[in-house]
Amino acid sequence: MIIKDGLSLGYPFVEAITQVIPYVDEFVVVDFGSSDGTIDILKSLILKYPKIKVMFADWPTEFRGGRAIGVAQDQARVYCKGDYILLVQADEIWDPQALKHTIELTKLYPLVAMFNIPFYHLFANFQLPVKWYGEAVRVYKNIPQITSVGDGWTMTGHYPQMSARCTPILHCGSLGWRSSYQKIVHHAGLYTNHPEYQVLALEYQARLDHNDPEPNHLLKTSPYLSRVPKILHDLLGIERYYVRPKLI
C-alpha cells in the first residue's frame, strides 16, 4: 500500500489493511509524506500487527497528473520480498473469502502471473454507485516488468492473466462527506488535464466553505448496503473519516 495523508482525505486504510493482514506474510506500507496523523496510526498498527512494515519515500513530483500515483506505486514495490504481491490501495476493501480464493488460484495456476479481481465502485459515502472498471489486477508475481497503468488503477505486463470469480473488492474512494469533498479538492492539483474534475473540485470547495453537504450524504443507511463489507457499516453517513479504537 502507498499512502499520503490518508487520514484527512478519508481513505479507510486501516480497514483495508485489517481485512487482509491475516492472509499475507508481510504488509508493506510506504508513506509518501503524510503530515495529518496517518503515520501515528500506522505506528499503532505495527504494535498490533508485527507483519506491518512502514517505509518512507519522497513523492515523485517530476511526474504530472495521476501518473505520479502509478510511479509511486511502482517505486514502493522494491520493499516487497515475496513471490507474489497483493496490491491493496488505501480505499479498497477486500472480502477475506475472496482473498483466500485468489491465493488458492496462485497455487493452482503457477504459470499465471496476474490475477484480475472484480470491483464494486461506490462514491459519496456509499449513496451513489458509479461504473469505472469492472476488474483490475490486484495479485501478481513480483516481477519488475509488471508495472502500474496510469494512476495505478491496474497493472500491465506481457504475462498470462486470469480473472478471479469471487466477491468484488469495494472501491469506496473516501468516507465521510467532508472527507469525500476534501479528497476531490486535493486531487484537483493532480488531474489538471481534466476540466470536469476541476469544475467538480470548485463545486465541492464551495460546499465545504458553506458547510453544505448534498442531501444523500446525510443518510445513515445505504440502499447499497449489501455491497458494503460489515467492517465499514459503522462509518456510513458520517461527516469525516475517523479511525475506530477497536481496530488499532
Protein backbone atom coordinates (compact mmCIF):
# COMPACT_ATOMS: atom_id res chain seq x y z
CA MET A 1 0.00 0.00 0.00
CA ILE A 2 1.15 3.51 -0.75
CA ILE A 3 -0.36 6.36 1.22
CA LYS A 4 -0.14 10.10 1.73
CA ASP A 5 -2.43 11.91 4.18
CA GLY A 6 -4.88 9.04 4.19
CA LEU A 7 -6.48 10.14 7.45
CA SER A 8 -7.53 13.64 6.35
CA LEU A 9 -8.56 12.52 2.87
CA GLY A 10 -10.89 9.84 4.21
CA TYR A 11 -9.16 6.74 2.93
CA PRO A 12 -10.25 3.73 5.03
CA PHE A 13 -6.67 2.48 5.05
CA VAL A 14 -6.95 0.86 8.49
CA GLU A 15 -9.95 -1.19 7.38
CA ALA A 16 -8.19 -2.05 4.10
CA ILE A 17 -5.18 -3.40 6.00
CA THR A 18 -7.03 -5.29 8.71
CA GLN A 19 -9.18 -7.14 6.17
CA VAL A 20 -6.14 -8.77 4.55
CA ILE A 21 -3.45 -8.89 7.25
CA PRO A 22 -4.23 -12.48 8.39
CA TYR A 23 -3.58 -13.81 4.87
CA VAL A 24 -0.23 -12.23 3.99
CA ASP A 25 3.34 -12.94 5.06
CA GLU A 26 4.12 -9.24 5.45
CA PHE A 27 2.35 -5.97 4.73
CA VAL A 28 4.46 -3.12 3.40
CA VAL A 29 3.13 0.43 3.67
CA VAL A 30 5.12 3.19 2.01
CA ASP A 31 4.25 6.67 3.22
CA PHE A 32 4.98 9.47 0.75
CA GLY A 33 4.96 12.43 3.12
CA SER A 34 1.88 12.33 5.35
CA SER A 35 1.50 15.24 7.77
CA ASP A 36 -2.00 14.62 9.13
CA GLY A 37 -1.58 11.89 11.76
CA THR A 38 -1.56 8.98 9.32
CA ILE A 39 1.92 7.95 10.46
CA ASP A 40 0.82 7.83 14.10
CA ILE A 41 -2.00 5.46 13.15
CA LEU A 42 0.44 3.27 11.23
CA LYS A 43 2.73 3.11 14.28
CA SER A 44 -0.20 1.90 16.36
CA LEU A 45 -0.99 -0.75 13.79
CA ILE A 46 2.60 -2.02 13.88
CA LEU A 47 2.25 -2.70 17.60
CA LYS A 48 -0.85 -4.80 16.95
CA TYR A 49 0.33 -6.42 13.72
CA PRO A 50 4.11 -7.04 13.62
CA LYS A 51 3.73 -8.12 9.98
CA ILE A 52 3.35 -4.46 9.00
CA LYS A 53 6.47 -2.67 7.80
CA VAL A 54 6.31 1.08 7.26
CA MET A 55 8.76 2.71 4.84
CA PHE A 56 9.12 6.33 3.75
CA ALA A 57 9.76 7.84 0.34
CA ASP A 58 9.53 11.17 -1.47
CA TRP A 59 6.58 11.85 -3.73
CA PRO A 60 7.61 11.70 -7.43
CA THR A 61 6.91 15.35 -8.16
CA GLU A 62 8.57 15.14 -11.59
CA PHE A 63 5.56 13.25 -12.92
CA ARG A 64 2.42 15.19 -13.78
CA GLY A 65 -1.17 14.29 -13.14
CA GLY A 66 -2.34 10.98 -11.80
CA ARG A 67 0.69 9.26 -13.31
CA ALA A 68 2.61 10.22 -10.16
CA ILE A 69 0.42 7.79 -8.21
CA GLY A 70 1.31 4.89 -10.51
CA VAL A 71 5.02 5.75 -10.37
CA ALA A 72 4.91 5.93 -6.57
CA GLN A 73 3.18 2.54 -6.53
CA ASP A 74 5.91 1.01 -8.67
CA GLN A 75 8.65 2.60 -6.57
CA ALA A 76 7.17 1.10 -3.41
CA ARG A 77 7.48 -2.44 -4.78
CA VAL A 78 11.20 -2.52 -4.07
CA TYR A 79 10.34 -3.22 -0.43
CA CYS A 80 8.23 -6.30 -1.27
CA LYS A 81 10.17 -9.55 -0.98
CA GLY A 82 7.53 -12.20 -1.59
CA ASP A 83 6.95 -14.23 -4.74
CA TYR A 84 3.53 -12.58 -5.16
CA ILE A 85 2.38 -9.06 -4.43
CA LEU A 86 -1.06 -8.23 -3.09
CA LEU A 87 -1.78 -4.64 -4.11
CA VAL A 88 -4.10 -3.04 -1.56
CA GLN A 89 -4.96 0.54 -2.36
CA ALA A 90 -5.96 2.66 0.63
CA ASP A 91 -9.58 3.00 -0.49
CA GLU A 92 -10.22 -0.64 -1.36
CA ILE A 93 -11.80 -3.20 0.96
CA TRP A 94 -11.35 -6.90 0.26
CA ASP A 95 -13.73 -9.65 1.23
CA PRO A 96 -11.50 -12.13 3.12
CA GLN A 97 -13.08 -15.14 1.39
CA ALA A 98 -12.32 -13.58 -1.98
CA LEU A 99 -8.70 -13.15 -0.99
CA LYS A 100 -8.45 -16.76 0.21
CA HIS A 101 -9.91 -17.88 -3.11
CA THR A 102 -7.37 -15.82 -5.06
CA ILE A 103 -4.48 -17.17 -3.01
CA GLU A 104 -5.63 -20.68 -3.91
CA LEU A 105 -5.63 -19.70 -7.59
CA THR A 106 -1.94 -18.77 -7.37
CA LYS A 107 -1.24 -22.32 -6.21
CA LEU A 108 -3.48 -23.99 -8.78
CA TYR A 109 -2.18 -21.91 -11.71
CA PRO A 110 1.52 -21.19 -11.07
CA LEU A 111 2.11 -20.06 -14.66
CA VAL A 112 -0.41 -17.21 -14.31
CA ALA A 113 1.38 -14.00 -13.36
CA MET A 114 -1.51 -11.57 -12.89
CA PHE A 115 -4.93 -12.08 -11.34
CA ASN A 116 -7.79 -9.69 -12.11
CA ILE A 117 -10.27 -9.14 -9.28
CA PRO A 118 -13.84 -7.84 -9.83
CA PHE A 119 -14.81 -4.46 -8.39
CA TYR A 120 -17.72 -2.53 -6.95
CA HIS A 121 -17.36 1.25 -7.18
CA LEU A 122 -19.36 3.29 -4.71
CA PHE A 123 -18.95 7.03 -4.40
CA ALA A 124 -20.06 9.74 -1.99
CA ASN A 125 -20.27 7.75 1.22
CA PHE A 126 -21.99 4.80 -0.46
CA GLN A 127 -25.01 6.68 -1.70
CA LEU A 128 -24.27 6.64 -5.43
CA PRO A 129 -22.97 3.66 -7.41
CA VAL A 130 -20.66 4.51 -10.30
CA LYS A 131 -19.18 2.45 -13.13
CA TRP A 132 -15.47 2.72 -13.80
CA TYR A 133 -13.56 -0.52 -14.36
CA GLY A 134 -15.15 -3.92 -13.84
CA GLU A 135 -11.96 -5.64 -12.76
CA ALA A 136 -8.31 -4.83 -12.11
CA VAL A 137 -5.09 -6.67 -11.30
CA ARG A 138 -4.55 -6.84 -7.55
CA VAL A 139 -2.50 -10.04 -7.15
CA TYR A 140 0.58 -10.57 -9.31
CA LYS A 141 4.03 -12.10 -9.37
CA ASN A 142 6.84 -9.97 -8.03
CA ILE A 143 8.35 -9.34 -11.46
CA PRO A 144 9.81 -5.86 -12.21
CA GLN A 145 8.32 -5.92 -15.71
CA ILE A 146 4.78 -5.89 -14.29
CA THR A 147 4.08 -2.18 -13.82
CA SER A 148 1.27 0.23 -12.98
CA VAL A 149 -1.07 1.61 -15.62
CA GLY A 150 -1.73 5.36 -15.48
CA ASP A 151 -2.57 6.37 -11.94
CA GLY A 152 -2.10 2.82 -10.73
CA TRP A 153 -5.65 1.59 -11.24
CA THR A 154 -4.32 -1.74 -12.59
CA MET A 155 -1.10 -3.49 -13.62
CA THR A 156 0.23 -4.47 -17.02
CA GLY A 157 2.88 -6.81 -18.43
CA HIS A 158 3.32 -9.41 -21.15
CA TYR A 159 2.46 -12.33 -18.90
CA PRO A 160 -0.52 -14.70 -18.57
CA GLN A 161 -3.54 -13.27 -16.74
CA MET A 162 -6.61 -14.79 -15.13
CA SER A 163 -9.87 -13.29 -13.88
CA ALA A 164 -10.90 -14.47 -10.42
CA ARG A 165 -14.58 -15.22 -9.90
CA CYS A 166 -15.10 -14.00 -6.36
CA THR A 167 -16.78 -11.33 -4.28
CA PRO A 168 -15.75 -7.94 -5.70
CA ILE A 169 -13.41 -5.55 -3.95
CA LEU A 170 -15.22 -2.44 -2.72
CA HIS A 171 -13.60 0.72 -4.07
CA CYS A 172 -15.13 3.44 -1.95
CA GLY A 173 -12.93 6.47 -2.66
CA SER A 174 -13.24 8.12 0.74
CA LEU A 175 -15.52 8.03 3.77
CA GLY A 176 -17.49 10.93 5.21
CA TRP A 177 -18.96 13.74 3.17
CA ARG A 178 -16.32 16.25 4.25
CA SER A 179 -13.53 13.77 3.57
CA SER A 180 -15.03 12.99 0.14
CA TYR A 181 -15.14 16.66 -0.79
CA GLN A 182 -11.63 17.31 0.53
CA LYS A 183 -10.24 14.44 -1.48
CA ILE A 184 -11.77 15.80 -4.70
CA VAL A 185 -10.42 19.28 -3.99
CA HIS A 186 -6.98 17.92 -3.10
CA HIS A 187 -6.75 15.80 -6.25
CA ALA A 188 -7.58 18.76 -8.49
CA GLY A 189 -3.87 19.53 -8.35
CA LEU A 190 -3.12 16.09 -9.79
CA TYR A 191 -5.75 15.89 -12.51
CA THR A 192 -5.12 19.29 -14.08
CA ASN A 193 -5.81 17.89 -17.57
CA HIS A 194 -9.43 17.04 -16.73
CA PRO A 195 -11.72 20.10 -16.95
CA GLU A 196 -14.65 18.15 -15.50
CA TYR A 197 -12.61 17.32 -12.43
CA GLN A 198 -11.66 20.96 -11.97
CA VAL A 199 -15.32 22.02 -12.11
CA LEU A 200 -16.25 19.36 -9.55
CA ALA A 201 -13.41 20.46 -7.26
CA LEU A 202 -14.63 24.07 -7.33
CA GLU A 203 -18.17 22.97 -6.50
CA TYR A 204 -17.02 20.81 -3.60
CA GLN A 205 -14.78 23.55 -2.21
CA ALA A 206 -17.78 25.86 -2.19
CA ARG A 207 -19.82 23.24 -0.36
CA LEU A 208 -17.06 22.84 2.22
CA ASP A 209 -16.90 26.61 2.68
CA HIS A 210 -20.64 26.81 3.29
CA ASN A 211 -20.96 23.59 5.32
CA ASP A 212 -23.34 22.36 2.64
CA PRO A 213 -23.45 18.57 2.12
CA GLU A 214 -25.62 17.11 -0.60
CA PRO A 215 -28.77 15.57 0.92
CA ASN A 216 -27.83 12.00 0.05
CA HIS A 217 -24.66 12.33 2.14
CA LEU A 218 -26.77 12.76 5.26
CA LEU A 219 -28.30 9.31 5.04
CA LYS A 220 -27.38 6.93 7.84
CA THR A 221 -28.11 3.84 5.78
CA SER A 222 -27.40 2.99 2.18
CA PRO A 223 -29.59 1.38 -0.47
CA TYR A 224 -26.40 -0.45 -1.48
CA LEU A 225 -25.66 -1.78 2.00
CA SER A 226 -25.46 -5.35 0.73
CA ARG A 227 -22.36 -4.38 -1.24
CA VAL A 228 -20.62 -2.83 1.76
CA PRO A 229 -18.45 -5.10 3.97
CA LYS A 230 -19.55 -5.15 7.61
CA ILE A 231 -16.28 -3.58 8.73
CA LEU A 232 -17.49 -0.30 7.20
CA HIS A 233 -21.09 -0.23 8.41
CA ASP A 234 -20.30 1.98 11.41
CA LEU A 235 -18.90 4.60 9.03
CA LEU A 236 -21.95 5.07 6.83
CA GLY A 237 -23.37 8.58 6.86
CA ILE A 238 -20.51 10.16 8.83
CA GLU A 239 -19.15 13.66 8.30
CA ARG A 240 -15.43 12.79 8.41
CA TYR A 241 -13.50 9.54 8.33
CA TYR A 242 -12.04 8.53 11.68
CA VAL A 243 -10.14 5.51 12.96
CA ARG A 244 -12.10 3.45 15.44
CA PRO A 245 -10.05 2.49 18.54
CA LYS A 246 -11.14 -1.16 18.29
CA LEU A 247 -9.15 -1.51 15.07
CA ILE A 248 -5.85 -0.28 16.47
